[in-house]
Amino acid sequence: MKGLNMEKKLSFQVMLCSFFCAFLLVSRPAMSQEVEDESEFNYEEGGEKGPANWGNLKQEWRKCKTGTMQSPIDLSHKRVQIIPYFGDLKIYYNPSNATLKNRGHDIMLKWGDGAGYIEVNGTQYVFKQCHWHSPSEHTVNGQTFALEAHLVHQSQNGSIAVIGILYRIGQPDPFLSLIKDDLEEISYTNETKEINTIDASLLKMRSSLYYRYIGSLTTPPCTQNVIWTIVRQVWTVTPEQIELLRVAVHDDSNTNARPLQPLNNRTIQLQPRYIKKEN
């Protein structure tokens, strides 16, 4: 009888351990799935590791091929639904330490604790990192822009919300000017650079209008159900600033923009949001 009880106890412990491991796998934050190894994929059109083949390279990347809510898309005005009330987007950014990293396929600025968060539909998404694509990945009425910034946020349960900012050639971007020396230092390396107290609020939306749709990450594994917010107002950037970001791409494509994906009857909304006036 004693041996039987020990056997049941051991069986229960094994079952409990298996359940816990399964829980960890299911609850693992989506952000941890982001691919940072530049050798795993690239942007060469028609290449073996190019965008058309991302979904074939790994089983866990199959959504890049089979997903029906993929990003980027064209924000065509004939498909946009105008929402005539204040939107549900709130932004709270603060100065914070950050780490600048050349990931091979882009330059990423990873924020430390305290950089702030956004609120969407009452859910809080912590500001995790930002990176840049050139030319832009999203288009507006078929128009491609010089640059696109992605501000990536994550909720407590691992859900992702991204703010996209489009840029045209013009005056220097103040935020990129702030990190110019740091960008020059790491542009031709795979090293990281610690940056002390950089003001994330410089990336706040300057417009009250934004596009909203449900899409995916634009790099493998192309995780879906990402809440996208694209700022309608186009910002400006200089060719020199774009060049500092482009040198991170270590292949012959001279781009790190994924091609447009099918809309598949998804809804695109144009929403206004209330912007709190500063005292």
C-alpha atoms as a PDB file:
ATOM      1  CA  MET A   1       0.000   0.000   0.000  1.00  0.00           C
ATOM      2  CA  LYS A   2       2.840   2.351   0.888  1.00  0.00           C
ATOM      3  CA  GLY A   3       4.524   1.642  -2.460  1.00  0.00           C
ATOM      4  CA  LEU A   4       1.253   2.327  -4.264  1.00  0.00           C
ATOM      5  CA  ASN A   5       0.887   5.693  -2.528  1.00  0.00           C
ATOM      6  CA  MET A   6       4.458   6.622  -3.468  1.00  0.00           C
ATOM      7  CA  GLU A   7       3.743   5.670  -7.076  1.00  0.00           C
ATOM      8  CA  LYS A   8       0.614   7.856  -7.136  1.00  0.00           C
ATOM      9  CA  LYS A   9       2.544  10.737  -5.569  1.00  0.00           C
ATOM     10  CA  LEU A  10       5.309  10.422  -8.176  1.00  0.00           C
ATOM     11  CA  SER A  11       2.749  10.220 -10.972  1.00  0.00           C
ATOM     12  CA  PHE A  12       1.049  13.375  -9.684  1.00  0.00           C
ATOM     13  CA  GLN A  13       4.389  15.235  -9.535  1.00  0.00           C
ATOM     14  CA  VAL A  14       5.204  14.253 -13.123  1.00  0.00           C
ATOM     15  CA  MET A  15       1.763  15.390 -14.262  1.00  0.00           C
ATOM     16  CA  LEU A  16       2.131  18.676 -12.372  1.00  0.00           C
ATOM     17  CA  CYS A  17       5.563  19.286 -13.898  1.00  0.00           C
ATOM     18  CA  SER A  18       4.230  18.543 -17.393  1.00  0.00           C
ATOM     19  CA  PHE A  19       1.334  20.957 -16.866  1.00  0.00           C
ATOM     20  CA  PHE A  20       3.673  23.679 -15.616  1.00  0.00           C
ATOM     21  CA  CYS A  21       6.002  23.276 -18.612  1.00  0.00           C
ATOM     22  CA  ALA A  22       3.058  23.387 -21.009  1.00  0.00           C
ATOM     23  CA  PHE A  23       1.795  26.526 -19.266  1.00  0.00           C
ATOM     24  CA  LEU A  24       5.156  28.210 -19.724  1.00  0.00           C
ATOM     25  CA  LEU A  25       5.170  27.398 -23.430  1.00  0.00           C
ATOM     26  CA  VAL A  26       1.653  28.673 -23.989  1.00  0.00           C
ATOM     27  CA  SER A  27       2.082  31.793 -21.881  1.00  0.00           C
ATOM     28  CA  ARG A  28       5.500  32.721 -23.259  1.00  0.00           C
ATOM     29  CA  PRO A  29       5.338  36.368 -24.374  1.00  0.00           C
ATOM     30  CA  ALA A  30       5.035  36.882 -28.132  1.00  0.00           C
ATOM     31  CA  MET A  31       7.931  39.346 -28.031  1.00  0.00           C
ATOM     32  CA  SER A  32      10.314  36.498 -27.203  1.00  0.00           C
ATOM     33  CA  GLN A  33       9.578  35.036 -30.629  1.00  0.00           C
ATOM     34  CA  GLU A  34      11.172  37.925 -32.484  1.00  0.00           C
ATOM     35  CA  VAL A  35      14.071  36.785 -34.623  1.00  0.00           C
ATOM     36  CA  GLU A  36      17.304  38.691 -34.076  1.00  0.00           C
ATOM     37  CA  ASP A  37      19.797  36.493 -35.954  1.00  0.00           C
ATOM     38  CA  GLU A  38      20.503  38.254 -39.256  1.00  0.00           C
ATOM     39  CA  SER A  39      21.649  34.994 -40.895  1.00  0.00           C
ATOM     40  CA  GLU A  40      18.197  33.392 -40.596  1.00  0.00           C
ATOM     41  CA  PHE A  41      16.394  35.583 -43.151  1.00  0.00           C
ATOM     42  CA  ASN A  42      16.936  38.551 -45.461  1.00  0.00           C
ATOM     43  CA  TYR A  43      15.113  40.877 -47.855  1.00  0.00           C
ATOM     44  CA  GLU A  44      16.568  39.744 -51.171  1.00  0.00           C
ATOM     45  CA  GLU A  45      13.740  39.527 -53.705  1.00  0.00           C
ATOM     46  CA  GLY A  46      13.558  35.991 -55.037  1.00  0.00           C
ATOM     47  CA  GLY A  47      16.370  34.892 -52.724  1.00  0.00           C
ATOM     48  CA  GLU A  48      16.413  31.631 -50.796  1.00  0.00           C
ATOM     49  CA  LYS A  49      15.940  33.514 -47.509  1.00  0.00           C
ATOM     50  CA  GLY A  50      13.917  36.381 -48.977  1.00  0.00           C
ATOM     51  CA  PRO A  51      10.384  37.446 -47.951  1.00  0.00           C
ATOM     52  CA  ALA A  52       8.628  35.115 -50.409  1.00  0.00           C
ATOM     53  CA  ASN A  53      10.275  32.126 -48.690  1.00  0.00           C
ATOM     54  CA  TRP A  54      10.123  33.133 -45.021  1.00  0.00           C
ATOM     55  CA  GLY A  55       7.190  30.808 -44.410  1.00  0.00           C
ATOM     56  CA  ASN A  56       9.126  27.841 -45.832  1.00  0.00           C
ATOM     57  CA  LEU A  57      12.317  28.297 -43.804  1.00  0.00           C
ATOM     58  CA  LYS A  58      10.956  27.091 -40.449  1.00  0.00           C
ATOM     59  CA  GLN A  59       7.774  25.436 -39.248  1.00  0.00           C
ATOM     60  CA  GLU A  60       7.298  28.141 -36.621  1.00  0.00           C
ATOM     61  CA  TRP A  61       7.445  30.768 -39.388  1.00  0.00           C
ATOM     62  CA  ARG A  62       4.589  29.249 -41.431  1.00  0.00           C
ATOM     63  CA  LYS A  63       2.291  32.207 -40.673  1.00  0.00           C
ATOM     64  CA  CYS A  64       4.514  34.302 -42.961  1.00  0.00           C
ATOM     65  CA  LYS A  65       3.054  32.187 -45.778  1.00  0.00           C
ATOM     66  CA  THR A  66      -0.351  31.009 -44.554  1.00  0.00           C
ATOM     67  CA  GLY A  67      -1.492  33.850 -42.303  1.00  0.00           C
ATOM     68  CA  THR A  68      -4.525  35.845 -43.423  1.00  0.00           C
ATOM     69  CA  MET A  69      -3.836  38.906 -41.223  1.00  0.00           C
ATOM     70  CA  GLN A  70      -0.326  39.783 -42.325  1.00  0.00           C
ATOM     71  CA  SER A  71       1.451  43.145 -42.366  1.00  0.00           C
ATOM     72  CA  PRO A  72       2.302  45.522 -43.945  1.00  0.00           C
ATOM     73  CA  ILE A  73      -0.686  46.625 -46.037  1.00  0.00           C
ATOM     74  CA  ASP A  74      -1.680  49.557 -48.232  1.00  0.00           C
ATOM     75  CA  LEU A  75      -3.800  52.040 -46.290  1.00  0.00           C
ATOM     76  CA  SER A  76      -6.118  52.792 -49.187  1.00  0.00           C
ATOM     77  CA  HIS A  77      -8.589  55.575 -48.415  1.00  0.00           C
ATOM     78  CA  LYS A  78     -11.362  53.835 -50.357  1.00  0.00           C
ATOM     79  CA  ARG A  79     -11.192  51.015 -47.790  1.00  0.00           C
ATOM     80  CA  VAL A  80     -10.963  53.210 -44.688  1.00  0.00           C
ATOM     81  CA  GLN A  81     -13.845  53.527 -42.239  1.00  0.00           C
ATOM     82  CA  ILE A  82     -13.911  56.913 -40.509  1.00  0.00           C
ATOM     83  CA  ILE A  83     -14.745  56.672 -36.791  1.00  0.00           C
ATOM     84  CA  PRO A  84     -16.242  60.032 -35.685  1.00  0.00           C
ATOM     85  CA  TYR A  85     -15.367  59.900 -31.984  1.00  0.00           C
ATOM     86  CA  PHE A  86     -12.291  60.162 -29.812  1.00  0.00           C
ATOM     87  CA  GLY A  87     -10.169  57.069 -30.092  1.00  0.00           C
ATOM     88  CA  ASP A  88      -9.067  54.772 -27.306  1.00  0.00           C
ATOM     89  CA  LEU A  89      -5.315  55.399 -27.587  1.00  0.00           C
ATOM     90  CA  LYS A  90      -3.424  56.972 -24.683  1.00  0.00           C
ATOM     91  CA  ILE A  91       0.354  57.478 -24.673  1.00  0.00           C
ATOM     92  CA  TYR A  92       2.613  57.875 -21.652  1.00  0.00           C
ATOM     93  CA  TYR A  93       6.335  58.021 -22.553  1.00  0.00           C
ATOM     94  CA  ASN A  94       9.196  59.024 -20.257  1.00  0.00           C
ATOM     95  CA  PRO A  95      12.993  59.463 -20.343  1.00  0.00           C
ATOM     96  CA  SER A  96      14.751  56.111 -19.830  1.00  0.00           C
ATOM     97  CA  ASN A  97      17.976  54.234 -20.375  1.00  0.00           C
ATOM     98  CA  ALA A  98      18.155  52.223 -23.600  1.00  0.00           C
ATOM     99  CA  THR A  99      20.380  49.845 -25.555  1.00  0.00           C
ATOM    100  CA  LEU A 100      21.111  50.422 -29.242  1.00  0.00           C
ATOM    101  CA  LYS A 101      21.754  47.275 -31.249  1.00  0.00           C
ATOM    102  CA  ASN A 102      22.547  46.457 -34.871  1.00  0.00           C
ATOM    103  CA  ARG A 103      20.480  43.321 -35.528  1.00  0.00           C
ATOM    104  CA  GLY A 104      21.801  42.870 -39.059  1.00  0.00           C
ATOM    105  CA  HIS A 105      18.388  43.398 -40.640  1.00  0.00           C
ATOM    106  CA  ASP A 106      17.657  46.620 -38.748  1.00  0.00           C
ATOM    107  CA  ILE A 107      18.754  48.969 -35.971  1.00  0.00           C
ATOM    108  CA  MET A 108      16.836  48.437 -32.728  1.00  0.00           C
ATOM    109  CA  LEU A 109      16.625  50.650 -29.655  1.00  0.00           C
ATOM    110  CA  LYS A 110      15.593  48.495 -26.705  1.00  0.00           C
ATOM    111  CA  TRP A 111      14.089  50.497 -23.870  1.00  0.00           C
ATOM    112  CA  GLY A 112      14.836  49.960 -20.203  1.00  0.00           C
ATOM    113  CA  ASP A 113      12.250  49.978 -17.446  1.00  0.00           C
ATOM    114  CA  GLY A 114      10.368  53.223 -17.122  1.00  0.00           C
ATOM    115  CA  ALA A 115      10.201  54.261 -20.796  1.00  0.00           C
ATOM    116  CA  GLY A 116       6.431  54.313 -20.526  1.00  0.00           C
ATOM    117  CA  TYR A 117       3.435  52.622 -22.069  1.00  0.00           C
ATOM    118  CA  ILE A 118       0.322  53.065 -24.183  1.00  0.00           C
ATOM    119  CA  GLU A 119      -3.272  52.144 -23.400  1.00  0.00           C
ATOM    120  CA  VAL A 120      -5.518  50.580 -26.038  1.00  0.00           C
ATOM    121  CA  ASN A 121      -9.092  49.658 -25.106  1.00  0.00           C
ATOM    122  CA  GLY A 122      -8.104  49.974 -21.459  1.00  0.00           C
ATOM    123  CA  THR A 123      -5.212  47.498 -21.778  1.00  0.00           C
ATOM    124  CA  GLN A 124      -1.709  48.689 -20.925  1.00  0.00           C
ATOM    125  CA  TYR A 125       1.134  47.888 -23.352  1.00  0.00           C
ATOM    126  CA  VAL A 126       4.668  48.606 -22.120  1.00  0.00           C
ATOM    127  CA  PHE A 127       7.076  50.321 -24.537  1.00  0.00           C
ATOM    128  CA  LYS A 128       9.696  47.642 -25.302  1.00  0.00           C
ATOM    129  CA  GLN A 129      11.670  48.703 -28.372  1.00  0.00           C
ATOM    130  CA  CYS A 130      11.669  50.689 -31.582  1.00  0.00           C
ATOM    131  CA  HIS A 131      13.318  50.002 -34.933  1.00  0.00           C
ATOM    132  CA  TRP A 132      13.279  51.379 -38.479  1.00  0.00           C
ATOM    133  CA  HIS A 133      12.520  50.129 -42.008  1.00  0.00           C
ATOM    134  CA  SER A 134      13.613  51.815 -45.231  1.00  0.00           C
ATOM    135  CA  PRO A 135      11.746  52.394 -47.445  1.00  0.00           C
ATOM    136  CA  SER A 136       8.441  52.307 -45.557  1.00  0.00           C
ATOM    137  CA  GLU A 137       6.619  49.001 -45.253  1.00  0.00           C
ATOM    138  CA  HIS A 138       3.107  50.438 -45.107  1.00  0.00           C
ATOM    139  CA  THR A 139       1.908  52.594 -47.964  1.00  0.00           C
ATOM    140  CA  VAL A 140      -0.922  55.144 -48.215  1.00  0.00           C
ATOM    141  CA  ASN A 141      -2.962  55.009 -51.425  1.00  0.00           C
ATOM    142  CA  GLY A 142      -0.055  53.186 -53.038  1.00  0.00           C
ATOM    143  CA  GLN A 143       2.536  55.781 -52.006  1.00  0.00           C
ATOM    144  CA  THR A 144       5.758  54.504 -50.442  1.00  0.00           C
ATOM    145  CA  PHE A 145       7.627  56.710 -47.992  1.00  0.00           C
ATOM    146  CA  ALA A 146      11.333  57.096 -47.280  1.00  0.00           C
ATOM    147  CA  LEU A 147      11.317  55.534 -43.802  1.00  0.00           C
ATOM    148  CA  GLU A 148       9.055  53.888 -41.244  1.00  0.00           C
ATOM    149  CA  ALA A 149       9.557  53.589 -37.498  1.00  0.00           C
ATOM    150  CA  HIS A 150       7.940  50.807 -35.479  1.00  0.00           C
ATOM    151  CA  LEU A 151       7.322  51.449 -31.779  1.00  0.00           C
ATOM    152  CA  VAL A 152       6.695  48.015 -30.281  1.00  0.00           C
ATOM    153  CA  HIS A 153       4.691  47.544 -27.085  1.00  0.00           C
ATOM    154  CA  GLN A 154       3.699  44.450 -25.131  1.00  0.00           C
ATOM    155  CA  SER A 155       0.947  43.751 -22.617  1.00  0.00           C
ATOM    156  CA  GLN A 156       1.273  41.605 -19.523  1.00  0.00           C
ATOM    157  CA  ASN A 157      -0.151  38.565 -21.351  1.00  0.00           C
ATOM    158  CA  GLY A 158       2.220  38.936 -24.303  1.00  0.00           C
ATOM    159  CA  SER A 159      -0.113  40.710 -26.746  1.00  0.00           C
ATOM    160  CA  ILE A 160       1.574  43.201 -29.069  1.00  0.00           C
ATOM    161  CA  ALA A 161       0.623  46.726 -30.149  1.00  0.00           C
ATOM    162  CA  VAL A 162       2.775  48.666 -32.623  1.00  0.00           C
ATOM    163  CA  ILE A 163       2.726  52.356 -33.515  1.00  0.00           C
ATOM    164  CA  GLY A 164       4.024  53.063 -37.022  1.00  0.00           C
ATOM    165  CA  ILE A 165       5.432  56.447 -38.073  1.00  0.00           C
ATOM    166  CA  LEU A 166       5.981  57.280 -41.758  1.00  0.00           C
ATOM    167  CA  TYR A 167       8.679  59.720 -42.917  1.00  0.00           C
ATOM    168  CA  ARG A 168       9.334  61.709 -46.086  1.00  0.00           C
ATOM    169  CA  ILE A 169      12.566  63.481 -47.042  1.00  0.00           C
ATOM    170  CA  GLY A 170      12.813  66.898 -45.439  1.00  0.00           C
ATOM    171  CA  GLN A 171      14.056  68.396 -42.181  1.00  0.00           C
ATOM    172  CA  PRO A 172      16.108  66.229 -39.780  1.00  0.00           C
ATOM    173  CA  ASP A 173      14.162  64.035 -37.378  1.00  0.00           C
ATOM    174  CA  PRO A 174      14.893  65.315 -33.820  1.00  0.00           C
ATOM    175  CA  PHE A 175      14.988  61.852 -32.258  1.00  0.00           C
ATOM    176  CA  LEU A 176      17.426  60.413 -34.819  1.00  0.00           C
ATOM    177  CA  SER A 177      19.565  63.558 -34.434  1.00  0.00           C
ATOM    178  CA  LEU A 178      19.742  62.815 -30.721  1.00  0.00           C
ATOM    179  CA  ILE A 179      21.271  59.361 -31.290  1.00  0.00           C
ATOM    180  CA  LYS A 180      23.380  60.248 -34.369  1.00  0.00           C
ATOM    181  CA  ASP A 181      26.770  59.624 -32.729  1.00  0.00           C
ATOM    182  CA  ASP A 182      25.585  56.319 -31.271  1.00  0.00           C
ATOM    183  CA  LEU A 183      24.287  55.172 -34.658  1.00  0.00           C
ATOM    184  CA  GLU A 184      27.612  55.990 -36.303  1.00  0.00           C
ATOM    185  CA  GLU A 185      29.444  53.996 -33.641  1.00  0.00           C
ATOM    186  CA  ILE A 186      27.521  50.732 -34.154  1.00  0.00           C
ATOM    187  CA  SER A 187      26.482  50.954 -37.822  1.00  0.00           C
ATOM    188  CA  TYR A 188      29.085  48.528 -39.190  1.00  0.00           C
ATOM    189  CA  THR A 189      29.152  46.160 -36.231  1.00  0.00           C
ATOM    190  CA  ASN A 190      26.883  43.719 -34.426  1.00  0.00           C
ATOM    191  CA  GLU A 191      27.721  45.297 -31.105  1.00  0.00           C
ATOM    192  CA  THR A 192      25.393  47.026 -28.656  1.00  0.00           C
ATOM    193  CA  LYS A 193      25.649  50.521 -27.225  1.00  0.00           C
ATOM    194  CA  GLU A 194      24.251  51.591 -23.871  1.00  0.00           C
ATOM    195  CA  ILE A 195      22.540  54.992 -23.924  1.00  0.00           C
ATOM    196  CA  ASN A 196      21.842  56.839 -20.694  1.00  0.00           C
ATOM    197  CA  THR A 197      18.541  58.643 -20.225  1.00  0.00           C
ATOM    198  CA  ILE A 198      17.082  59.242 -23.668  1.00  0.00           C
ATOM    199  CA  ASP A 199      13.671  60.913 -23.895  1.00  0.00           C
ATOM    200  CA  ALA A 200      11.108  58.505 -25.376  1.00  0.00           C
ATOM    201  CA  SER A 201       8.487  61.268 -25.407  1.00  0.00           C
ATOM    202  CA  LEU A 202      10.153  62.661 -28.558  1.00  0.00           C
ATOM    203  CA  LEU A 203       8.455  59.768 -30.357  1.00  0.00           C
ATOM    204  CA  LYS A 204       4.953  60.750 -29.261  1.00  0.00           C
ATOM    205  CA  MET A 205       2.334  61.221 -31.966  1.00  0.00           C
ATOM    206  CA  ARG A 206       2.032  64.855 -33.062  1.00  0.00           C
ATOM    207  CA  SER A 207      -1.309  64.324 -34.763  1.00  0.00           C
ATOM    208  CA  SER A 208      -4.742  63.428 -33.446  1.00  0.00           C
ATOM    209  CA  LEU A 209      -5.523  61.139 -36.408  1.00  0.00           C
ATOM    210  CA  TYR A 210      -4.347  57.572 -36.867  1.00  0.00           C
ATOM    211  CA  TYR A 211      -5.134  54.438 -38.872  1.00  0.00           C
ATOM    212  CA  ARG A 212      -6.002  51.275 -36.937  1.00  0.00           C
ATOM    213  CA  TYR A 213      -6.124  47.665 -38.118  1.00  0.00           C
ATOM    214  CA  ILE A 214      -5.235  44.155 -36.941  1.00  0.00           C
ATOM    215  CA  GLY A 215      -2.149  42.652 -38.552  1.00  0.00           C
ATOM    216  CA  SER A 216       1.127  40.893 -37.761  1.00  0.00           C
ATOM    217  CA  LEU A 217       4.803  41.358 -37.074  1.00  0.00           C
ATOM    218  CA  THR A 218       6.533  42.248 -40.357  1.00  0.00           C
ATOM    219  CA  THR A 219       9.495  39.940 -39.675  1.00  0.00           C
ATOM    220  CA  PRO A 220       9.545  36.197 -38.909  1.00  0.00           C
ATOM    221  CA  PRO A 221       7.701  34.534 -37.255  1.00  0.00           C
ATOM    222  CA  CYS A 222       5.037  36.980 -38.550  1.00  0.00           C
ATOM    223  CA  THR A 223       2.959  36.598 -35.367  1.00  0.00           C
ATOM    224  CA  GLN A 224      -0.643  37.730 -35.944  1.00  0.00           C
ATOM    225  CA  ASN A 225      -3.272  39.625 -33.905  1.00  0.00           C
ATOM    226  CA  VAL A 226      -0.966  42.620 -33.581  1.00  0.00           C
ATOM    227  CA  ILE A 227      -2.815  45.913 -33.019  1.00  0.00           C
ATOM    228  CA  TRP A 228      -1.427  48.395 -35.536  1.00  0.00           C
ATOM    229  CA  THR A 229      -1.685  52.166 -35.124  1.00  0.00           C
ATOM    230  CA  ILE A 230      -0.255  54.150 -38.048  1.00  0.00           C
ATOM    231  CA  VAL A 231       0.128  57.903 -37.479  1.00  0.00           C
ATOM    232  CA  ARG A 232      -1.585  59.770 -40.310  1.00  0.00           C
ATOM    233  CA  GLN A 233       0.746  62.789 -40.175  1.00  0.00           C
ATOM    234  CA  VAL A 234       3.962  62.098 -42.100  1.00  0.00           C
ATOM    235  CA  TRP A 235       7.160  63.112 -40.314  1.00  0.00           C
ATOM    236  CA  THR A 236      10.422  64.209 -41.979  1.00  0.00           C
ATOM    237  CA  VAL A 237      13.937  62.767 -42.111  1.00  0.00           C
ATOM    238  CA  THR A 238      17.137  63.552 -44.031  1.00  0.00           C
ATOM    239  CA  PRO A 239      18.867  61.204 -46.520  1.00  0.00           C
ATOM    240  CA  GLU A 240      21.884  61.155 -44.187  1.00  0.00           C
ATOM    241  CA  GLN A 241      19.778  59.902 -41.286  1.00  0.00           C
ATOM    242  CA  ILE A 242      18.284  57.155 -43.454  1.00  0.00           C
ATOM    243  CA  GLU A 243      21.749  56.100 -44.595  1.00  0.00           C
ATOM    244  CA  LEU A 244      22.856  55.619 -40.977  1.00  0.00           C
ATOM    245  CA  LEU A 245      19.987  53.164 -40.520  1.00  0.00           C
ATOM    246  CA  ARG A 246      20.358  51.419 -43.896  1.00  0.00           C
ATOM    247  CA  VAL A 247      23.924  50.307 -43.387  1.00  0.00           C
ATOM    248  CA  ALA A 248      22.570  47.808 -40.868  1.00  0.00           C
ATOM    249  CA  VAL A 249      21.219  45.661 -43.710  1.00  0.00           C
ATOM    250  CA  HIS A 250      23.991  43.185 -44.537  1.00  0.00           C
ATOM    251  CA  ASP A 251      22.727  41.848 -47.863  1.00  0.00           C
ATOM    252  CA  ASP A 252      22.517  43.121 -51.449  1.00  0.00           C
ATOM    253  CA  SER A 253      18.881  44.249 -51.294  1.00  0.00           C
ATOM    254  CA  ASN A 254      19.621  47.710 -49.817  1.00  0.00           C
ATOM    255  CA  THR A 255      16.241  47.525 -48.099  1.00  0.00           C
ATOM    256  CA  ASN A 256      14.648  46.023 -45.021  1.00  0.00           C
ATOM    257  CA  ALA A 257      11.001  46.465 -45.999  1.00  0.00           C
ATOM    258  CA  ARG A 258       8.689  43.467 -46.346  1.00  0.00           C
ATOM    259  CA  PRO A 259       6.445  43.615 -49.452  1.00  0.00           C
ATOM    260  CA  LEU A 260       2.755  44.492 -49.057  1.00  0.00           C
ATOM    261  CA  GLN A 261       0.422  41.712 -47.924  1.00  0.00           C
ATOM    262  CA  PRO A 262      -3.222  41.032 -48.933  1.00  0.00           C
ATOM    263  CA  LEU A 263      -5.858  42.874 -46.916  1.00  0.00           C
ATOM    264  CA  ASN A 264      -8.237  39.863 -46.925  1.00  0.00           C
ATOM    265  CA  ASN A 265     -11.352  41.897 -46.061  1.00  0.00           C
ATOM    266  CA  ARG A 266      -9.868  43.344 -42.900  1.00  0.00           C
ATOM    267  CA  THR A 267     -11.218  46.649 -41.612  1.00  0.00           C
ATOM    268  CA  ILE A 268      -9.022  49.765 -41.679  1.00  0.00           C
ATOM    269  CA  GLN A 269     -10.232  52.569 -39.437  1.00  0.00           C
ATOM    270  CA  LEU A 270      -9.280  56.231 -39.341  1.00  0.00           C
ATOM    271  CA  GLN A 271      -9.708  57.421 -35.783  1.00  0.00           C
ATOM    272  CA  PRO A 272      -9.184  60.701 -33.951  1.00  0.00           C
ATOM    273  CA  ARG A 273      -7.824  60.645 -30.424  1.00  0.00           C
ATOM    274  CA  TYR A 274      -7.911  63.146 -27.626  1.00  0.00           C
ATOM    275  CA  ILE A 275      -4.504  64.710 -27.010  1.00  0.00           C
ATOM    276  CA  LYS A 276      -4.046  66.100 -23.510  1.00  0.00           C
ATOM    277  CA  LYS A 277      -2.781  69.660 -23.612  1.00  0.00           C
ATOM    278  CA  GLU A 278       0.414  70.416 -21.713  1.00  0.00           C
ATOM    279  CA  ASN A 279       0.186  72.952 -18.865  1.00  0.00           C
END
